[in-house]
């Protein structure tokens, strides 16, 4: 058995270990992250949806759990579960990408299983989540702005403002939601075709910056390390043009970001001793046909 087939089989084993009545847990290990995270449950559901209907029920239960714990203003919880006894609530929020993954999850579920029942049942929840996301635009430029530590990277590193990972997800969200014109508008900004001062693509670097914020007379708040997840999501969702996608993949190959296999969390430009070197991105490309 080659390494790809081994990884496939092991991935299914992990998915089975994470199945619980309320949905996918972030960890199948005792004492691990024994709760349902929006991003974890939805990202693993993308892969789970590619192996028939075996995980359809747990995918559904994950969406139901998140729907039932949505706030009155439309925010989807970051996590549902009592894994941390120090917290005063079994439901925690403070996540910019939770509503994005929630919306994407609904549409992927409908497409993968040819079942639109959840889309109909939770139509108001989905619309409320999208409205909440659109409110995260203090500059009225249609790009989402976020607080530090509000996405999956948490404090490693400290991203804020207009974050590429978030913009890539939002592009997919808008296309799924029937707002293709708005999606193309933000794509033009991100790629520097219009309002270049807001662009996240850097032609000199050959990839998207992880985040950008304000420019103080030439002293711009940004960083230039390579965010693997953000750049690959840009390719998967279609934000990246064919030319930009080729540039990103060339960088990955040149800097050996994909060596020995899969993809490291970042290229060499990120220098943080606190970031676990074992963190990698795995199996992202096969989900492309579910997202676009």
Protein backbone atom coordinates (compact mmCIF):
# COMPACT_ATOMS: atom_id res chain seq x y z
CA UNK A 1 0.00 0.00 0.00
CA UNK A 2 1.45 3.40 -0.98
CA UNK A 3 1.61 6.33 1.40
CA UNK A 4 -1.46 8.05 -0.10
CA UNK A 5 -3.63 4.98 0.46
CA UNK A 6 -2.24 4.64 3.98
CA UNK A 7 -3.06 8.28 4.73
CA UNK A 8 -6.58 7.78 3.35
CA UNK A 9 -7.23 4.78 5.61
CA UNK A 10 -5.74 6.47 8.67
CA UNK A 11 -7.83 9.58 8.03
CA UNK A 12 -11.01 7.50 8.06
CA UNK A 13 -9.90 5.88 11.34
CA UNK A 14 -9.45 9.34 12.87
CA UNK A 15 -12.86 10.48 11.62
CA UNK A 16 -14.51 7.45 13.21
CA UNK A 17 -12.77 8.18 16.52
CA UNK A 18 -14.14 11.74 16.49
CA UNK A 19 -17.80 10.81 15.93
CA UNK A 20 -20.15 11.77 18.78
CA UNK A 21 -23.94 12.21 19.02
CA UNK A 22 -23.68 16.03 18.83
CA UNK A 23 -21.32 15.92 15.83
CA UNK A 24 -17.63 15.65 15.11
CA UNK A 25 -15.32 16.29 18.06
CA UNK A 26 -12.03 18.04 17.39
CA UNK A 27 -10.20 15.08 18.93
CA UNK A 28 -10.97 11.41 19.29
CA UNK A 29 -8.55 11.03 22.19
CA UNK A 30 -9.69 10.83 25.79
CA UNK A 31 -8.78 14.10 27.47
CA UNK A 32 -8.28 15.80 24.12
CA UNK A 33 -10.47 18.49 22.57
CA UNK A 34 -13.71 16.76 23.43
CA UNK A 35 -16.12 19.25 21.95
CA UNK A 36 -17.52 20.34 18.59
CA UNK A 37 -15.63 23.23 17.04
CA UNK A 38 -17.21 24.95 14.05
CA UNK A 39 -14.03 24.98 11.97
CA UNK A 40 -12.81 21.50 12.98
CA UNK A 41 -16.16 19.80 12.48
CA UNK A 42 -16.75 21.46 9.13
CA UNK A 43 -13.25 21.00 7.68
CA UNK A 44 -13.18 17.31 8.55
CA UNK A 45 -16.73 16.99 7.20
CA UNK A 46 -15.49 18.16 3.80
CA UNK A 47 -13.24 15.12 3.65
CA UNK A 48 -15.82 12.85 5.25
CA UNK A 49 -18.33 13.79 2.54
CA UNK A 50 -16.01 12.30 -0.09
CA UNK A 51 -16.35 8.72 1.18
CA UNK A 52 -19.99 7.96 0.54
CA UNK A 53 -22.69 8.42 3.17
CA UNK A 54 -20.88 6.84 6.12
CA UNK A 55 -20.46 10.18 7.89
CA UNK A 56 -23.61 11.91 6.69
CA UNK A 57 -25.37 11.69 10.05
CA UNK A 58 -22.48 13.12 12.09
CA UNK A 59 -22.01 15.89 9.49
CA UNK A 60 -25.71 16.71 9.90
CA UNK A 61 -25.50 16.61 13.70
CA UNK A 62 -22.54 19.00 13.65
CA UNK A 63 -24.57 21.53 11.64
CA UNK A 64 -27.58 21.10 13.93
CA UNK A 65 -25.46 21.65 17.06
CA UNK A 66 -23.97 24.85 15.64
CA UNK A 67 -27.39 26.08 14.47
CA UNK A 68 -29.00 25.54 17.85
CA UNK A 69 -26.31 27.58 19.60
CA UNK A 70 -26.23 30.58 17.24
CA UNK A 71 -26.50 34.01 18.88
CA UNK A 72 -29.41 36.36 18.29
CA UNK A 73 -27.19 38.47 16.04
CA UNK A 74 -26.15 35.54 13.84
CA UNK A 75 -22.74 34.60 15.23
CA UNK A 76 -21.99 30.88 15.13
CA UNK A 77 -20.16 29.45 18.17
CA UNK A 78 -16.49 28.68 17.96
CA UNK A 79 -17.01 25.66 20.19
CA UNK A 80 -19.84 23.71 21.82
CA UNK A 81 -18.83 21.41 24.68
CA UNK A 82 -17.44 21.38 28.22
CA UNK A 83 -13.86 20.37 27.44
CA UNK A 84 -12.47 23.18 29.60
CA UNK A 85 -13.82 23.30 33.16
CA UNK A 86 -12.31 26.77 33.73
CA UNK A 87 -14.80 28.30 31.33
CA UNK A 88 -18.19 29.36 32.63
CA UNK A 89 -20.06 28.23 29.52
CA UNK A 90 -20.28 25.16 27.34
CA UNK A 91 -20.66 27.48 24.34
CA UNK A 92 -17.84 29.84 23.36
CA UNK A 93 -17.60 32.37 20.55
CA UNK A 94 -14.97 34.98 19.56
CA UNK A 95 -14.21 33.41 16.17
CA UNK A 96 -14.38 35.15 12.78
CA UNK A 97 -14.34 31.96 10.70
CA UNK A 98 -16.98 29.95 12.58
CA UNK A 99 -19.91 31.46 10.63
CA UNK A 100 -17.94 31.07 7.39
CA UNK A 101 -17.31 27.36 7.91
CA UNK A 102 -20.92 26.95 9.05
CA UNK A 103 -22.28 28.41 5.82
CA UNK A 104 -19.81 26.47 3.66
CA UNK A 105 -20.70 23.29 5.55
CA UNK A 106 -24.40 23.64 4.76
CA UNK A 107 -23.81 24.00 1.04
CA UNK A 108 -21.23 21.21 0.92
CA UNK A 109 -23.65 18.91 2.76
CA UNK A 110 -26.40 19.70 0.26
CA UNK A 111 -24.09 19.10 -2.72
CA UNK A 112 -22.33 16.00 -1.44
CA UNK A 113 -25.50 14.16 -0.42
CA UNK A 114 -27.97 15.75 -2.85
CA UNK A 115 -29.98 16.74 0.22
CA UNK A 116 -31.16 20.33 0.67
CA UNK A 117 -33.29 19.65 3.75
CA UNK A 118 -30.88 21.42 6.12
CA UNK A 119 -30.58 24.40 3.78
CA UNK A 120 -34.34 24.79 3.94
CA UNK A 121 -34.65 24.16 7.67
CA UNK A 122 -31.87 26.55 8.67
CA UNK A 123 -32.32 29.16 5.94
CA UNK A 124 -32.81 31.95 8.50
CA UNK A 125 -29.74 30.83 10.48
CA UNK A 126 -27.59 30.85 7.35
CA UNK A 127 -28.80 34.31 6.34
CA UNK A 128 -28.20 35.61 9.86
CA UNK A 129 -24.64 34.23 9.84
CA UNK A 130 -23.96 35.93 6.51
CA UNK A 131 -25.37 39.22 7.79
CA UNK A 132 -23.13 39.04 10.85
CA UNK A 133 -20.11 38.54 8.59
CA UNK A 134 -21.01 41.52 6.43
CA UNK A 135 -21.10 43.73 9.52
CA UNK A 136 -17.39 43.01 10.13
CA UNK A 137 -16.47 45.76 7.65
CA UNK A 138 -15.59 48.98 9.52
CA UNK A 139 -14.08 50.63 6.42
CA UNK A 140 -17.08 49.82 4.20
CA UNK A 141 -14.76 48.37 1.56
CA UNK A 142 -16.47 44.92 1.56
CA UNK A 143 -13.43 43.18 3.08
CA UNK A 144 -13.85 41.54 6.48
CA UNK A 145 -11.73 42.92 9.31
CA UNK A 146 -10.94 40.84 12.38
CA UNK A 147 -9.48 41.10 15.84
CA UNK A 148 -6.21 39.35 16.77
CA UNK A 149 -6.42 35.62 17.62
CA UNK A 150 -9.85 35.31 15.97
CA UNK A 151 -9.13 32.46 13.57
CA UNK A 152 -7.63 28.97 13.63
CA UNK A 153 -4.04 30.17 14.15
CA UNK A 154 -5.04 31.81 17.42
CA UNK A 155 -1.98 33.70 18.75
CA UNK A 156 0.55 31.88 16.56
CA UNK A 157 1.10 34.34 14.94
CA UNK A 158 -0.72 37.56 15.85
CA UNK A 159 -2.78 38.39 12.74
CA UNK A 160 -5.37 41.16 12.59
CA UNK A 161 -7.08 43.51 10.18
CA UNK A 162 -7.69 42.09 6.70
CA UNK A 163 -6.54 38.49 6.94
CA UNK A 164 -6.07 36.44 3.78
CA UNK A 165 -7.37 33.19 5.25
CA UNK A 166 -10.63 34.93 6.14
CA UNK A 167 -10.94 36.65 2.75
CA UNK A 168 -10.49 33.30 0.95
CA UNK A 169 -13.27 31.74 2.99
CA UNK A 170 -15.54 34.74 2.46
CA UNK A 171 -15.13 34.47 -1.29
CA UNK A 172 -16.44 30.89 -1.10
CA UNK A 173 -19.24 31.93 1.26
CA UNK A 174 -20.47 34.64 -1.09
CA UNK A 175 -20.42 32.36 -4.12
CA UNK A 176 -22.32 29.67 -2.26
CA UNK A 177 -24.84 32.26 -1.10
CA UNK A 178 -25.63 33.47 -4.60
CA UNK A 179 -23.68 36.72 -4.29
CA UNK A 180 -21.23 36.11 -7.09
CA UNK A 181 -20.97 39.77 -8.09
CA UNK A 182 -19.86 40.79 -4.61
CA UNK A 183 -17.46 37.83 -4.51
CA UNK A 184 -15.83 38.97 -7.75
CA UNK A 185 -15.61 42.52 -6.44
CA UNK A 186 -13.64 41.50 -3.33
CA UNK A 187 -11.55 39.16 -5.48
CA UNK A 188 -10.54 42.16 -7.61
CA UNK A 189 -9.50 44.06 -4.48
CA UNK A 190 -7.57 41.14 -2.97
CA UNK A 191 -5.68 40.57 -6.22
CA UNK A 192 -4.87 44.27 -6.66
CA UNK A 193 -6.96 44.90 -9.78
CA UNK A 194 -8.81 47.74 -8.04
CA UNK A 195 -8.11 49.71 -4.85
CA UNK A 196 -4.55 48.39 -4.88
CA UNK A 197 -3.80 49.83 -1.44
CA UNK A 198 -6.07 47.13 0.00
CA UNK A 199 -4.54 44.26 -1.98
CA UNK A 200 -3.17 41.19 -0.22
CA UNK A 201 -1.31 39.76 -3.19
CA UNK A 202 2.34 40.79 -3.40
CA UNK A 203 3.84 40.21 -6.84
CA UNK A 204 7.37 40.60 -5.48
CA UNK A 205 6.82 37.87 -2.91
CA UNK A 206 4.85 35.76 -5.36
CA UNK A 207 2.07 34.97 -2.89
CA UNK A 208 -0.62 36.51 -0.68
CA UNK A 209 0.49 38.27 2.48
CA UNK A 210 -1.03 36.69 5.60
CA UNK A 211 -2.61 39.96 6.69
CA UNK A 212 -2.59 43.70 6.08
CA UNK A 213 -3.92 46.64 8.02
CA UNK A 214 -3.32 50.38 8.05
CA UNK A 215 -0.60 52.30 6.23
CA UNK A 216 0.95 55.03 8.38
CA UNK A 217 2.73 57.17 5.82
CA UNK A 218 4.55 54.22 4.28
CA UNK A 219 4.90 52.29 7.53
CA UNK A 220 2.32 49.60 6.83
CA UNK A 221 1.00 47.14 9.37
CA UNK A 222 1.57 43.78 7.66
CA UNK A 223 3.88 40.77 7.50
CA UNK A 224 5.42 38.88 4.60
CA UNK A 225 5.67 35.27 5.77
CA UNK A 226 4.01 32.55 3.71
CA UNK A 227 0.69 31.35 5.13
CA UNK A 228 0.16 27.93 3.56
CA UNK A 229 -3.49 27.57 4.54
CA UNK A 230 -4.47 31.03 3.28
CA UNK A 231 -2.66 30.69 -0.03
CA UNK A 232 -3.91 27.18 -0.72
CA UNK A 233 -7.45 28.21 0.20
CA UNK A 234 -7.13 31.06 -2.30
CA UNK A 235 -6.41 28.45 -4.98
CA UNK A 236 -9.12 26.02 -3.83
CA UNK A 237 -11.87 28.65 -3.60
CA UNK A 238 -10.88 30.38 -6.83
CA UNK A 239 -9.67 33.70 -5.42
CA UNK A 240 -6.28 33.17 -7.05
CA UNK A 241 -6.06 33.66 -10.81
CA UNK A 242 -4.30 30.88 -12.75
CA UNK A 243 -1.18 33.06 -12.85
CA UNK A 244 -1.23 33.72 -9.11
CA UNK A 245 -1.95 30.06 -8.37
CA UNK A 246 1.07 29.05 -10.43
CA UNK A 247 3.22 31.58 -8.58
CA UNK A 248 2.08 30.21 -5.21
CA UNK A 249 2.76 26.60 -6.18
CA UNK A 250 6.17 27.56 -7.55
CA UNK A 251 7.02 29.18 -4.22
CA UNK A 252 5.92 26.06 -2.33
CA UNK A 253 8.09 23.91 -4.53
CA UNK A 254 11.08 26.25 -4.42
CA UNK A 255 11.06 26.62 -0.62
CA UNK A 256 10.17 22.94 -0.10
CA UNK A 257 7.10 23.84 1.94
CA UNK A 258 5.63 20.55 0.71
CA UNK A 259 8.60 18.42 1.78
CA UNK A 260 8.75 15.66 2.85
CA UNK A 261 5.00 15.42 2.21
CA UNK A 262 1.77 17.36 2.69
CA UNK A 263 2.42 21.03 3.46
CA UNK A 264 4.03 22.73 6.43
CA UNK A 265 1.95 25.40 8.06
CA UNK A 266 4.24 28.08 6.67
CA UNK A 267 7.24 28.81 4.51
CA UNK A 268 10.59 29.91 5.94
CA UNK A 269 9.55 33.55 6.29
CA UNK A 270 7.69 32.82 9.53
CA UNK A 271 10.08 32.72 12.45
CA UNK A 272 8.31 31.88 15.69
CA UNK A 273 9.91 29.46 18.12
CA UNK A 274 6.59 28.99 19.86
CA UNK A 275 4.91 27.60 16.74
CA UNK A 276 4.88 23.79 16.80
CA UNK A 277 6.94 22.56 13.87
CA UNK A 278 4.80 19.47 13.58
CA UNK A 279 1.75 21.43 12.47
CA UNK A 280 1.02 20.63 8.85
CA UNK A 281 -1.79 21.02 6.38
CA UNK A 282 -3.04 17.77 4.94
CA UNK A 283 -5.50 16.69 2.28
CA UNK A 284 -6.75 20.11 1.21
CA UNK A 285 -6.76 19.72 -2.56
CA UNK A 286 -9.26 16.80 -2.78
CA UNK A 287 -12.05 19.00 -1.35
CA UNK A 288 -11.77 21.46 -4.25
CA UNK A 289 -14.62 19.80 -6.15
CA UNK A 290 -16.96 20.29 -3.17
CA UNK A 291 -16.17 23.98 -2.72
CA UNK A 292 -16.16 25.35 -6.27
